[in-house]
Amino acid sequence: MSRTISRGLLKSPEEEIEELQKRLSLLENERKTLFEESNYTMRQNKETILQLQKEHKDLRTQIKSFSKQVDPESLKPKPEETEEIIKLRRKLDHVRSLVMAKTHQIKTMQDKIKEISTDQKGSIMNEDAPLMRQIRILENRLDKAMIKYNEAQSIKKTYEQIVKQLKQERVAYDNQLAAIERSLRGKEHDFEELLLLSHDANHAKETAEAELCRFEAQVTVERMTREKNVEEKKDEVNRRLDATKRLEMADKRKGKDELEPKSFLARISSGIASTAFADQRSKEEKQKIKDYEDAFRRIKEATGVHDVNEIIQKFSTQEETLLNLENLRKEHQLKLEQLNENKAELKKKVEGLKYQNKGEVESRKQLEELEEALAKVMKKYEKSKGKYQRTMDIIQDTKAGIEHIAEMLESIKLDGQSNIPVSDENLIEALMQNRLKMEKIYFQVKGSEVFNMFEKQAITLSKTSDTAHRTAALLQAIYSVPELSASSGQLEKGNMYNCRVKGHQKEEEEDFSDDAIEDNLDSDALAREKINKESTLKMERLSKGIKAKRASSAASKKRKN
């Protein structure tokens, strides 16, 4: 007994609670099973008792009926009947014994149930018992679970309402999707228009940069000529001072030799006349150089290329580009006409299907398919329209560039040919004539000293910030040719606001794809930056060489004097 008490004392309260819970659950299960078994046996016994009572009543009624009908003598049982009666009595006794046993068993079970219920009541009535504490904990958990259950039920109701509302709104989703698609197509159209506007803005930016370069070149040329004139005037003043000094020295030596001053004055007058003639000739050459600088600069601004060979190559490729653009314009025009016809046919089909079999599902599906096909055709139509518009813009820019080049080269005449006016019919002939004029200018300028020096140093011009100074230096080679000086003055009267035309030498699919537009802009910008950097370095070297050459020529003149 002491051992069991010590073991019980060693157990923790949680273990005791668990053991009590296990015992309580076992007792509860036993009670339930006993109660169910007892109820089941009671029902079976009641049924058997009722059945036996009914059989007993039936037998009694049968016996009474037989006793009334039959004589007393005939009521004497026969040996067969007696045996059957004995069997029935035995059966009745056996059933009675079973009923007595079952009733006794029911009483014992009821006594056990009463004992278990009294034990449970005694344990439950003690509030400090661990079982009661556990019951209270479970009740608290049950309350919390009920609160969570109620919250979950409320959330479930809200979600059910949301699902119901979404099911109701599902009917109008098709119309909403159609409206969104229409707005998307409108946004795509707006995007294409904005893209065209950005191209126009870039175009205007390039024209402004070209105008700025023109003014910078003009200012630089004027500054260079002014500096050169100042240097020449200084040289002339120095020469005059030297001449006066010589005259003073000659006056001092007058008494020594009378013939010497006369010859000295003659030499001085001849030297002054030769210097004046040289100054006049240098001014004429400067004017020629200035005119040809402006002419070559305008040509470069119109073509967008700074190398002479590239300019000639650009003129040779303009003819092919123009033919390709004309062919593309015709193809896109045919595509637009076909798409317009398809659009009209699809509209007719849609209008016809809208009023036929509205209640049928198949007609609705056909209508949706036709609407999708119509949307695709409209999208293709808008894309083709945008491509056609871009093609027309490129053709107009090409035509404007050819007109601009023709105006700048109008003063240059070809042997046996008159200037061809630029129009849509004779655009290619005017381009070929401009190419011949450019070749004539190139071959006439090619033999000059400055051009040879540029070829040796591999000079290319491209940088926008320093274009004026370097263009003025480069085009001195063109102005050194006297045959072109008669027509160079008229180039100043050309149109100042014309812009250069971009060269489109890629394949047709790349030129007119949606992604090629931004790629062309990026590639043009990168190419211009690369050419600008290279040309800046080369022109700096060229300007240093020209300054050194001028310094050496000035030093040689001073030595001669």
Protein backbone atom coordinates (compact mmCIF):
# COMPACT_ATOMS: atom_id res chain seq x y z
CA MET A 1 0.00 0.00 0.00
CA SER A 2 2.86 2.34 0.81
CA ARG A 3 4.48 1.54 -2.52
CA THR A 4 1.36 2.47 -4.44
CA ILE A 5 1.08 5.71 -2.46
CA SER A 6 4.71 6.61 -3.20
CA ARG A 7 4.20 5.87 -6.87
CA GLY A 8 1.10 8.01 -6.89
CA LEU A 9 2.97 10.82 -5.20
CA LEU A 10 5.70 10.65 -7.82
CA LYS A 11 3.20 11.19 -10.64
CA SER A 12 2.65 14.67 -11.93
CA PRO A 13 -0.79 16.34 -11.93
CA GLU A 14 -0.94 16.20 -15.71
CA GLU A 15 -0.41 12.43 -15.68
CA GLU A 16 -3.10 12.04 -13.01
CA ILE A 17 -5.47 14.13 -15.10
CA GLU A 18 -4.72 11.98 -18.15
CA GLU A 19 -5.33 8.77 -16.15
CA LEU A 20 -8.58 10.12 -14.78
CA GLN A 21 -9.64 11.17 -18.24
CA LYS A 22 -8.84 7.70 -19.57
CA ARG A 23 -10.81 6.07 -16.73
CA LEU A 24 -13.70 8.43 -17.25
CA SER A 25 -13.74 7.72 -20.97
CA LEU A 26 -13.59 3.95 -20.34
CA LEU A 27 -16.40 4.12 -17.81
CA GLU A 28 -18.43 6.27 -20.11
CA ASN A 29 -17.92 3.83 -22.96
CA GLU A 30 -18.83 0.85 -20.74
CA ARG A 31 -21.93 2.66 -19.51
CA LYS A 32 -23.00 3.45 -23.05
CA THR A 33 -22.42 -0.10 -24.24
CA LEU A 34 -24.28 -1.57 -21.25
CA PHE A 35 -27.13 0.85 -21.67
CA GLU A 36 -27.41 0.09 -25.35
CA GLU A 37 -27.18 -3.68 -24.80
CA SER A 38 -29.76 -3.56 -22.01
CA ASN A 39 -32.12 -1.50 -24.10
CA TYR A 40 -31.67 -3.85 -27.01
CA THR A 41 -32.31 -6.96 -24.88
CA MET A 42 -35.32 -5.28 -23.26
CA ARG A 43 -36.81 -4.52 -26.62
CA GLN A 44 -36.19 -8.07 -27.81
CA ASN A 45 -37.68 -9.54 -24.61
CA LYS A 46 -40.71 -7.29 -24.86
CA GLU A 47 -41.21 -8.36 -28.43
CA THR A 48 -40.89 -12.04 -27.54
CA ILE A 49 -43.26 -11.61 -24.56
CA LEU A 50 -45.81 -9.84 -26.69
CA GLN A 51 -45.51 -12.50 -29.34
CA LEU A 52 -45.92 -15.31 -26.78
CA GLN A 53 -48.88 -13.56 -25.17
CA LYS A 54 -50.45 -13.21 -28.54
CA GLU A 55 -49.85 -16.85 -29.31
CA HIS A 56 -51.25 -17.77 -25.89
CA LYS A 57 -54.38 -15.75 -26.54
CA ASP A 58 -54.76 -17.32 -29.93
CA LEU A 59 -54.41 -20.76 -28.43
CA ARG A 60 -56.98 -19.96 -25.73
CA THR A 61 -59.42 -18.68 -28.30
CA GLN A 62 -58.85 -21.75 -30.39
CA ILE A 63 -59.36 -23.98 -27.36
CA LYS A 64 -62.59 -22.21 -26.46
CA SER A 65 -63.84 -22.46 -29.99
CA PHE A 66 -62.97 -26.14 -30.13
CA SER A 67 -64.57 -26.76 -26.74
CA LYS A 68 -67.83 -25.23 -27.88
CA GLN A 69 -67.91 -27.07 -31.15
CA VAL A 70 -66.74 -30.46 -30.00
CA ASP A 71 -68.29 -32.77 -27.44
CA PRO A 72 -66.52 -33.32 -24.16
CA GLU A 73 -65.74 -36.77 -25.22
CA SER A 74 -64.24 -35.58 -28.38
CA LEU A 75 -62.17 -33.10 -26.37
CA LYS A 76 -60.13 -35.77 -24.95
CA PRO A 77 -56.72 -35.36 -26.40
CA LYS A 78 -55.47 -37.81 -28.80
CA PRO A 79 -52.03 -39.20 -28.35
CA GLU A 80 -50.69 -37.09 -31.19
CA GLU A 81 -52.24 -33.94 -29.80
CA THR A 82 -50.99 -34.65 -26.34
CA GLU A 83 -47.48 -34.88 -27.66
CA GLU A 84 -47.88 -31.57 -29.44
CA ILE A 85 -49.32 -29.98 -26.29
CA ILE A 86 -46.40 -31.23 -24.29
CA LYS A 87 -44.01 -29.75 -26.80
CA LEU A 88 -45.78 -26.42 -26.66
CA ARG A 89 -45.78 -26.39 -22.85
CA ARG A 90 -42.10 -27.17 -22.80
CA LYS A 91 -41.53 -24.38 -25.26
CA LEU A 92 -43.59 -22.01 -23.11
CA ASP A 93 -41.64 -22.95 -19.99
CA HIS A 94 -38.38 -22.37 -21.81
CA VAL A 95 -39.50 -18.96 -22.98
CA ARG A 96 -40.65 -18.05 -19.47
CA SER A 97 -37.28 -19.04 -18.06
CA LEU A 98 -35.55 -16.91 -20.70
CA VAL A 99 -37.76 -13.96 -19.83
CA MET A 100 -36.98 -14.36 -16.14
CA ALA A 101 -33.23 -14.48 -16.87
CA LYS A 102 -33.37 -11.42 -19.11
CA THR A 103 -35.36 -9.45 -16.56
CA HIS A 104 -32.82 -10.41 -13.87
CA GLN A 105 -30.00 -9.33 -16.19
CA ILE A 106 -31.78 -6.04 -16.89
CA LYS A 107 -32.10 -5.37 -13.17
CA THR A 108 -28.40 -6.00 -12.60
CA MET A 109 -27.48 -3.70 -15.47
CA GLN A 110 -29.74 -0.99 -14.15
CA ASP A 111 -28.07 -1.29 -10.74
CA LYS A 112 -24.64 -0.92 -12.38
CA ILE A 113 -25.81 2.13 -14.29
CA LYS A 114 -27.09 3.70 -11.08
CA GLU A 115 -23.77 3.04 -9.35
CA ILE A 116 -21.80 4.57 -12.26
CA SER A 117 -24.05 7.61 -12.37
CA THR A 118 -23.68 8.16 -8.60
CA ASP A 119 -19.88 7.88 -8.88
CA GLN A 120 -19.83 10.38 -11.72
CA LYS A 121 -22.07 12.77 -9.81
CA GLY A 122 -19.78 12.59 -6.80
CA SER A 123 -16.70 13.33 -8.88
CA ILE A 124 -18.43 16.13 -10.81
CA MET A 125 -19.78 17.82 -7.70
CA ASN A 126 -16.21 18.31 -6.42
CA GLU A 127 -15.14 21.55 -8.17
CA ASP A 128 -11.49 21.27 -7.11
CA ALA A 129 -11.13 17.90 -8.72
CA PRO A 130 -8.74 17.76 -11.71
CA LEU A 131 -11.52 16.38 -13.85
CA MET A 132 -13.62 19.48 -13.22
CA ARG A 133 -10.67 21.69 -14.10
CA GLN A 134 -10.16 19.77 -17.28
CA ILE A 135 -13.86 20.08 -18.06
CA ARG A 136 -13.70 23.85 -17.55
CA ILE A 137 -10.64 24.07 -19.84
CA LEU A 138 -12.47 22.07 -22.47
CA GLU A 139 -15.51 24.31 -22.09
CA ASN A 140 -13.32 27.39 -22.64
CA ARG A 141 -11.82 25.78 -25.71
CA LEU A 142 -15.30 24.94 -26.90
CA ASP A 143 -16.36 28.58 -26.46
CA LYS A 144 -13.34 29.79 -28.43
CA ALA A 145 -14.01 27.23 -31.13
CA MET A 146 -17.63 28.38 -31.29
CA ILE A 147 -16.49 32.01 -31.65
CA LYS A 148 -14.12 31.04 -34.47
CA TYR A 149 -16.87 28.95 -36.02
CA ASN A 150 -19.24 31.94 -35.99
CA GLU A 151 -16.57 34.16 -37.52
CA ALA A 152 -15.92 31.56 -40.20
CA GLN A 153 -19.64 31.35 -40.89
CA SER A 154 -19.85 35.15 -41.30
CA ILE A 155 -16.81 35.13 -43.63
CA LYS A 156 -18.38 32.27 -45.55
CA LYS A 157 -21.57 34.30 -45.99
CA THR A 158 -19.62 37.31 -47.28
CA TYR A 159 -17.72 35.12 -49.75
CA GLU A 160 -20.95 33.51 -50.86
CA GLN A 161 -22.36 36.98 -51.51
CA ILE A 162 -19.21 37.90 -53.47
CA VAL A 163 -19.49 34.71 -55.53
CA LYS A 164 -23.15 35.43 -56.17
CA GLN A 165 -22.34 38.98 -57.27
CA LEU A 166 -19.53 37.73 -59.53
CA LYS A 167 -21.90 35.22 -61.11
CA GLN A 168 -24.32 38.05 -61.78
CA GLU A 169 -21.56 40.22 -63.22
CA ARG A 170 -20.26 37.36 -65.38
CA VAL A 171 -23.10 38.00 -67.79
CA ALA A 172 -21.72 41.47 -68.60
CA TYR A 173 -18.06 40.40 -68.89
CA ASP A 174 -18.27 39.97 -72.66
CA ASN A 175 -19.38 43.55 -73.14
CA GLN A 176 -16.70 44.79 -70.75
CA LEU A 177 -14.01 42.81 -72.57
CA ALA A 178 -15.21 44.18 -75.90
CA ALA A 179 -15.05 47.73 -74.52
CA ILE A 180 -11.54 47.10 -73.15
CA GLU A 181 -10.43 45.73 -76.53
CA ARG A 182 -11.85 48.79 -78.26
CA SER A 183 -10.00 51.07 -75.85
CA LEU A 184 -6.83 49.01 -76.42
CA ARG A 185 -7.11 49.46 -80.16
CA GLY A 186 -7.62 53.18 -79.62
CA LYS A 187 -4.51 53.30 -77.42
CA GLU A 188 -2.51 51.47 -80.09
CA HIS A 189 -3.70 53.97 -82.66
CA ASP A 190 -2.73 56.83 -80.35
CA PHE A 191 0.66 55.21 -79.81
CA GLU A 192 1.28 55.05 -83.54
CA GLU A 193 0.30 58.69 -83.89
CA LEU A 194 2.62 59.64 -81.02
CA LEU A 195 5.39 57.64 -82.68
CA LEU A 196 4.89 59.59 -85.88
CA LEU A 197 4.91 62.82 -83.87
CA SER A 198 8.18 61.76 -82.25
CA HIS A 199 9.63 61.17 -85.72
CA ASP A 200 8.51 64.65 -86.73
CA ALA A 201 10.04 66.07 -83.54
CA ASN A 202 13.35 64.33 -84.26
CA HIS A 203 13.13 65.62 -87.79
CA ALA A 204 12.64 69.19 -86.54
CA LYS A 205 15.49 68.71 -84.07
CA GLU A 206 17.85 67.65 -86.85
CA THR A 207 16.82 70.61 -88.98
CA ALA A 208 17.50 72.94 -86.04
CA GLU A 209 20.90 71.32 -85.50
CA ALA A 210 21.69 71.71 -89.19
CA GLU A 211 20.67 75.37 -89.04
CA LEU A 212 22.85 75.84 -85.96
CA CYS A 213 25.78 74.21 -87.75
CA ARG A 214 25.23 76.49 -90.71
CA PHE A 215 25.36 79.60 -88.54
CA GLU A 216 28.38 78.31 -86.65
CA ALA A 217 30.17 77.58 -89.91
CA GLN A 218 29.34 81.04 -91.20
CA VAL A 219 30.59 82.69 -88.00
CA THR A 220 33.75 80.57 -88.01
CA VAL A 221 34.50 81.37 -91.64
CA GLU A 222 33.98 85.07 -90.99
CA ARG A 223 36.23 84.90 -87.95
CA MET A 224 38.94 83.10 -89.91
CA THR A 225 38.76 85.57 -92.77
CA ARG A 226 38.83 88.47 -90.32
CA GLU A 227 41.87 87.05 -88.55
CA LYS A 228 43.59 86.44 -91.85
CA ASN A 229 42.84 90.00 -93.01
CA VAL A 230 44.20 91.37 -89.75
CA GLU A 231 47.38 89.33 -90.17
CA GLU A 232 47.75 90.52 -93.76
CA LYS A 233 47.24 94.13 -92.69
CA LYS A 234 49.84 93.70 -89.99
CA ASP A 235 52.27 92.25 -92.53
CA GLU A 236 51.54 95.13 -94.89
CA VAL A 237 52.10 97.70 -92.12
CA ASN A 238 55.36 96.00 -91.21
CA ARG A 239 56.43 96.10 -94.84
CA ARG A 240 55.53 99.78 -95.07
CA LEU A 241 57.51 100.52 -91.91
CA ASP A 242 60.47 98.64 -93.31
CA ALA A 243 60.14 100.61 -96.54
CA THR A 244 60.07 103.96 -94.71
CA LYS A 245 63.11 102.93 -92.69
CA ARG A 246 64.90 102.07 -95.89
CA LEU A 247 63.91 105.46 -97.36
CA GLU A 248 65.29 107.24 -94.33
CA MET A 249 68.52 105.32 -94.63
CA ALA A 250 68.61 106.18 -98.32
CA ASP A 251 68.16 109.89 -97.55
CA LYS A 252 71.08 109.72 -95.20
CA ARG A 253 73.21 108.18 -97.92
CA LYS A 254 72.01 110.73 -100.51
CA GLY A 255 75.22 112.64 -100.53
CA LYS A 256 77.21 109.55 -101.29
CA ASP A 257 75.41 108.31 -104.33
CA GLU A 258 72.57 110.09 -106.19
CA LEU A 259 71.56 107.21 -108.46
CA GLU A 260 71.08 104.72 -105.68
CA PRO A 261 67.89 106.31 -104.21
CA LYS A 262 66.12 106.35 -107.54
CA SER A 263 66.68 102.65 -108.12
CA PHE A 264 65.67 101.95 -104.52
CA LEU A 265 62.38 103.84 -104.94
CA ALA A 266 61.63 101.94 -108.12
CA ARG A 267 62.12 98.62 -106.34
CA ILE A 268 59.88 99.73 -103.48
CA SER A 269 57.07 100.80 -105.82
CA SER A 270 57.28 97.54 -107.76
CA GLY A 271 57.16 95.55 -104.47
CA ILE A 272 54.10 97.49 -103.29
CA ALA A 273 52.32 96.85 -106.60
CA SER A 274 53.10 93.13 -106.46
CA THR A 275 51.82 92.87 -102.87
CA ALA A 276 48.59 94.68 -103.80
CA PHE A 277 48.06 92.30 -106.73
CA ALA A 278 48.71 89.29 -104.47
CA ASP A 279 46.23 90.64 -101.90
CA GLN A 280 43.55 91.04 -104.56
CA ARG A 281 44.14 87.54 -105.84
CA SER A 282 44.04 86.04 -102.33
CA LYS A 283 40.73 87.84 -101.64
CA GLU A 284 39.22 86.36 -104.79
CA GLU A 285 40.41 82.88 -103.83
CA LYS A 286 38.98 83.33 -100.34
CA GLN A 287 35.62 84.28 -101.79
CA LYS A 288 35.69 81.21 -104.03
CA ILE A 289 36.62 79.01 -101.08
CA LYS A 290 33.80 80.48 -99.02
CA ASP A 291 31.22 79.87 -101.76
CA TYR A 292 32.33 76.27 -102.26
CA GLU A 293 32.40 75.67 -98.52
CA ASP A 294 28.76 76.68 -98.29
CA ALA A 295 27.87 74.54 -101.32
CA PHE A 296 29.59 71.44 -99.98
CA ARG A 297 28.21 72.00 -96.49
CA ARG A 298 24.65 72.23 -97.82
CA ILE A 299 25.15 69.04 -99.79
CA LYS A 300 26.37 67.26 -96.67
CA GLU A 301 23.46 68.57 -94.62
CA ALA A 302 21.02 67.37 -97.28
CA THR A 303 22.51 63.88 -97.57
CA GLY A 304 23.53 63.41 -93.93
CA VAL A 305 26.97 62.04 -94.98
CA HIS A 306 30.32 63.79 -94.51
CA ASP A 307 32.63 61.77 -96.77
CA VAL A 308 32.75 62.60 -100.51
CA ASN A 309 32.76 58.95 -101.56
CA GLU A 310 29.80 58.24 -99.29
CA ILE A 311 27.94 61.22 -100.78
CA ILE A 312 28.39 59.82 -104.31
CA GLN A 313 27.38 56.36 -103.09
CA LYS A 314 24.32 57.86 -101.40
CA PHE A 315 23.23 59.44 -104.69
CA SER A 316 23.68 56.11 -106.48
CA THR A 317 21.53 54.26 -103.91
CA GLN A 318 18.75 56.88 -103.81
CA GLU A 319 17.37 55.60 -107.12
CA GLU A 320 16.95 52.05 -105.84
CA THR A 321 15.46 53.31 -102.58
CA LEU A 322 12.95 55.42 -104.46
CA LEU A 323 11.89 52.48 -106.66
CA ASN A 324 11.50 50.25 -103.60
CA LEU A 325 9.40 52.87 -101.85
CA GLU A 326 7.16 53.27 -104.90
CA ASN A 327 6.65 49.49 -105.10
CA LEU A 328 5.87 49.32 -101.40
CA ARG A 329 3.40 52.16 -101.70
CA LYS A 330 1.55 50.32 -104.48
CA GLU A 331 1.54 47.05 -102.53
CA HIS A 332 0.20 48.71 -99.39
CA GLN A 333 -2.44 50.52 -101.44
CA LEU A 334 -3.66 47.16 -102.82
CA LYS A 335 -3.63 45.65 -99.33
CA LEU A 336 -5.66 48.54 -97.98
CA GLU A 337 -8.24 48.12 -100.73
CA GLN A 338 -8.50 44.38 -100.05
CA LEU A 339 -8.85 44.98 -96.32
CA ASN A 340 -11.56 47.56 -96.91
CA GLU A 341 -13.46 45.05 -99.07
CA ASN A 342 -13.08 42.34 -96.40
CA LYS A 343 -14.24 44.79 -93.76
CA ALA A 344 -17.36 45.67 -95.75
CA GLU A 345 -18.18 41.97 -96.32
CA LEU A 346 -17.71 41.13 -92.65
CA LYS A 347 -19.90 44.05 -91.61
CA LYS A 348 -22.65 42.79 -93.91
CA LYS A 349 -22.36 39.28 -92.46
CA VAL A 350 -22.44 40.62 -88.90
CA GLU A 351 -25.51 42.76 -89.58
CA GLY A 352 -27.23 39.78 -91.22
CA LEU A 353 -26.42 37.43 -88.35
CA LYS A 354 -27.52 39.88 -85.65
CA TYR A 355 -31.16 39.58 -86.73
CA GLN A 356 -31.22 35.82 -87.46
CA ASN A 357 -31.77 33.18 -84.77
CA LYS A 358 -31.01 35.37 -81.77
CA GLY A 359 -32.07 32.70 -79.31
CA GLU A 360 -29.86 29.94 -80.71
CA VAL A 361 -26.42 29.29 -79.26
CA GLU A 362 -24.81 28.42 -82.58
CA SER A 363 -25.72 31.74 -84.15
CA ARG A 364 -24.27 33.54 -81.16
CA LYS A 365 -21.01 31.61 -81.49
CA GLN A 366 -20.86 32.40 -85.18
CA LEU A 367 -21.49 36.05 -84.40
CA GLU A 368 -18.67 36.07 -81.83
CA GLU A 369 -16.30 34.38 -84.29
CA LEU A 370 -17.18 36.90 -86.98
CA GLU A 371 -16.67 39.78 -84.53
CA GLU A 372 -13.24 38.38 -83.61
CA ALA A 373 -12.36 38.04 -87.29
CA LEU A 374 -13.56 41.61 -87.87
CA ALA A 375 -11.41 42.86 -84.98
CA LYS A 376 -8.35 41.07 -86.41
CA VAL A 377 -9.01 42.50 -89.87
CA MET A 378 -9.44 45.99 -88.40
CA LYS A 379 -6.16 45.61 -86.52
CA LYS A 380 -4.39 44.54 -89.72
CA TYR A 381 -6.04 47.45 -91.50
CA GLU A 382 -4.79 49.95 -88.93
CA LYS A 383 -1.26 48.50 -89.10
CA SER A 384 -1.25 48.57 -92.90
CA LYS A 385 -2.58 52.11 -92.82
CA GLY A 386 0.24 53.17 -90.50
CA LYS A 387 2.84 51.46 -92.70
CA TYR A 388 1.38 53.10 -95.77
CA GLN A 389 1.47 56.50 -94.05
CA ARG A 390 5.11 55.97 -93.04
CA THR A 391 5.96 54.95 -96.59
CA MET A 392 4.34 58.10 -97.94
CA ASP A 393 6.24 60.21 -95.40
CA ILE A 394 9.54 58.61 -96.45
CA ILE A 395 8.72 59.24 -100.11
CA GLN A 396 7.88 62.87 -99.37
CA ASP A 397 11.12 63.29 -97.38
CA THR A 398 13.09 61.72 -100.23
CA LYS A 399 11.45 64.02 -102.74
CA ALA A 400 12.13 67.06 -100.53
CA GLY A 401 15.78 66.05 -100.18
CA ILE A 402 16.19 65.62 -103.93
CA GLU A 403 14.57 69.03 -104.51
CA HIS A 404 16.87 70.58 -101.93
CA ILE A 405 19.99 69.06 -103.54
CA ALA A 406 18.78 70.12 -107.00
CA GLU A 407 18.31 73.71 -105.78
CA MET A 408 21.81 73.79 -104.29
CA LEU A 409 23.34 72.33 -107.46
CA GLU A 410 21.25 74.48 -109.79
CA SER A 411 24.16 76.83 -110.58
CA ILE A 412 26.42 73.92 -111.65
CA LYS A 413 25.86 73.15 -115.35
CA LEU A 414 26.49 69.93 -117.23
CA ASP A 415 27.70 69.85 -120.81
CA GLY A 416 24.75 69.72 -123.21
CA GLN A 417 22.13 69.30 -120.46
CA SER A 418 19.68 71.68 -118.87
CA ASN A 419 18.46 71.51 -115.29
CA ILE A 420 15.60 69.00 -114.89
CA PRO A 421 12.74 70.26 -112.67
CA VAL A 422 11.92 67.86 -109.83
CA SER A 423 8.44 66.28 -109.99
CA ASP A 424 6.81 62.91 -109.33
CA GLU A 425 7.26 61.82 -112.96
CA ASN A 426 10.94 62.69 -113.47
CA LEU A 427 12.23 62.17 -109.90
CA ILE A 428 14.74 59.51 -110.94
CA GLU A 429 16.09 61.63 -113.83
CA ALA A 430 16.62 64.58 -111.47
CA LEU A 431 18.42 62.28 -109.02
CA MET A 432 20.74 61.01 -111.78
CA GLN A 433 21.50 64.59 -112.85
CA ASN A 434 22.36 65.52 -109.24
CA ARG A 435 24.68 62.53 -109.09
CA LEU A 436 26.50 63.63 -112.26
CA LYS A 437 26.89 67.15 -110.87
CA MET A 438 28.32 65.79 -107.61
CA GLU A 439 30.78 63.65 -109.55
CA LYS A 440 31.83 66.70 -111.54
CA ILE A 441 32.44 68.68 -108.33
CA TYR A 442 34.32 65.77 -106.80
CA PHE A 443 36.70 65.28 -109.73
CA GLN A 444 37.36 69.02 -109.97
CA VAL A 445 38.12 69.32 -106.26
CA LYS A 446 40.12 66.11 -106.08
CA GLY A 447 43.35 67.62 -107.43
CA SER A 448 43.62 70.45 -104.89
CA GLU A 449 46.35 70.52 -102.25
CA VAL A 450 44.04 70.71 -99.24
CA PHE A 451 42.00 67.73 -100.45
CA ASN A 452 45.18 65.70 -100.91
CA MET A 453 46.25 66.65 -97.42
CA PHE A 454 42.85 65.52 -96.08
CA GLU A 455 43.14 62.22 -97.90
CA LYS A 456 46.58 61.61 -96.42
CA GLN A 457 45.29 62.35 -92.91
CA ALA A 458 41.98 60.45 -93.50
CA ILE A 459 39.75 63.32 -92.34
CA THR A 460 35.99 62.84 -91.84
CA LEU A 461 33.61 65.48 -90.51
CA SER A 462 30.71 64.72 -88.25
CA LYS A 463 30.72 66.34 -84.81
CA THR A 464 27.92 68.83 -84.35
CA SER A 465 29.56 71.08 -81.77
CA ASP A 466 32.72 71.68 -83.86
CA THR A 467 31.28 71.23 -87.35
CA ALA A 468 31.61 74.89 -88.33
CA HIS A 469 35.36 75.18 -87.79
CA ARG A 470 36.14 71.81 -89.38
CA THR A 471 33.80 72.32 -92.33
CA ALA A 472 35.40 75.65 -93.11
CA ALA A 473 38.82 74.00 -93.08
CA LEU A 474 37.74 71.04 -95.22
CA LEU A 475 35.96 72.97 -97.94
CA GLN A 476 38.96 75.14 -98.72
CA ALA A 477 39.89 72.38 -101.14
CA ILE A 478 36.68 72.92 -103.09
CA TYR A 479 37.13 76.68 -103.27
CA SER A 480 40.64 76.29 -104.65
CA VAL A 481 39.17 75.27 -108.04
CA PRO A 482 38.65 78.44 -110.17
CA GLU A 483 36.24 76.74 -112.62
CA LEU A 484 33.56 76.47 -109.93
CA SER A 485 33.90 80.03 -108.61
CA ALA A 486 31.39 81.57 -111.07
CA SER A 487 28.44 79.59 -109.73
CA SER A 488 29.34 79.41 -106.05
CA GLY A 489 27.81 82.78 -105.11
CA GLN A 490 24.30 81.68 -106.01
CA LEU A 491 24.28 78.86 -103.46
CA GLU A 492 23.82 81.34 -100.59
CA LYS A 493 20.33 82.09 -101.89
CA GLY A 494 19.09 78.51 -101.36
CA ASN A 495 16.42 77.48 -98.96
CA MET A 496 17.73 77.64 -95.37
CA TYR A 497 14.97 75.52 -93.88
CA ASN A 498 15.28 72.33 -95.89
CA CYS A 499 16.23 69.22 -93.99
CA ARG A 500 18.32 66.27 -94.83
CA VAL A 501 16.74 62.96 -95.78
CA LYS A 502 17.50 59.83 -93.87
CA GLY A 503 18.89 56.94 -95.87
CA HIS A 504 16.77 53.78 -95.75
CA GLN A 505 19.05 51.10 -97.13
CA LYS A 506 17.78 48.16 -95.16
CA GLU A 507 15.51 45.46 -96.47
CA GLU A 508 11.83 46.21 -96.98
CA GLU A 509 10.62 44.00 -94.17
CA GLU A 510 12.94 45.67 -91.67
CA ASP A 511 12.06 49.16 -92.92
CA PHE A 512 8.33 48.73 -92.47
CA SER A 513 8.14 46.53 -89.40
CA ASP A 514 6.87 47.94 -86.09
CA ASP A 515 10.14 47.28 -84.25
CA ALA A 516 12.39 48.67 -87.02
CA ILE A 517 11.35 52.28 -86.41
CA GLU A 518 12.93 52.57 -82.97
CA ASP A 519 15.92 50.44 -84.07
CA ASN A 520 16.57 52.82 -86.98
CA LEU A 521 16.48 55.80 -84.63
CA ASP A 522 18.86 54.17 -82.15
CA SER A 523 21.28 52.97 -84.86
CA ASP A 524 21.31 56.42 -86.51
CA ALA A 525 22.04 58.11 -83.19
CA LEU A 526 24.86 55.66 -82.35
CA ALA A 527 26.39 55.99 -85.82
CA ARG A 528 26.30 59.78 -85.60
CA GLU A 529 27.95 59.76 -82.17
CA LYS A 530 30.70 57.42 -83.38
CA ILE A 531 31.38 59.51 -86.49
CA ASN A 532 31.33 62.69 -84.39
CA LYS A 533 33.98 61.36 -82.00
CA GLU A 534 36.25 60.16 -84.79
CA SER A 535 35.89 63.35 -86.81
CA THR A 536 36.58 65.53 -83.77
CA LEU A 537 39.97 63.92 -83.21
CA LYS A 538 40.87 64.05 -86.91
CA MET A 539 39.84 67.69 -87.30
CA GLU A 540 41.86 68.69 -84.26
CA ARG A 541 44.91 67.15 -85.89
CA LEU A 542 44.02 68.91 -89.17
CA SER A 543 43.63 72.32 -87.51
CA LYS A 544 47.01 71.90 -85.82
CA GLY A 545 48.62 71.04 -89.18
CA ILE A 546 47.03 74.07 -90.87
CA LYS A 547 48.18 76.40 -88.07
CA ALA A 548 51.71 75.01 -88.27
CA LYS A 549 51.70 75.47 -92.05
CA ARG A 550 50.52 79.08 -91.68
CA ALA A 551 53.18 79.79 -89.08
CA SER A 552 55.88 78.35 -91.31
CA SER A 553 54.66 80.39 -94.32
CA ALA A 554 54.58 83.59 -92.24
CA ALA A 555 58.10 82.92 -90.97
CA SER A 556 59.37 82.32 -94.50
CA LYS A 557 57.81 85.63 -95.67
CA LYS A 558 59.49 87.52 -92.86
CA ARG A 559 62.81 85.96 -93.73
CA LYS A 560 62.43 86.99 -97.37
CA ASN A 561 61.58 90.56 -96.39
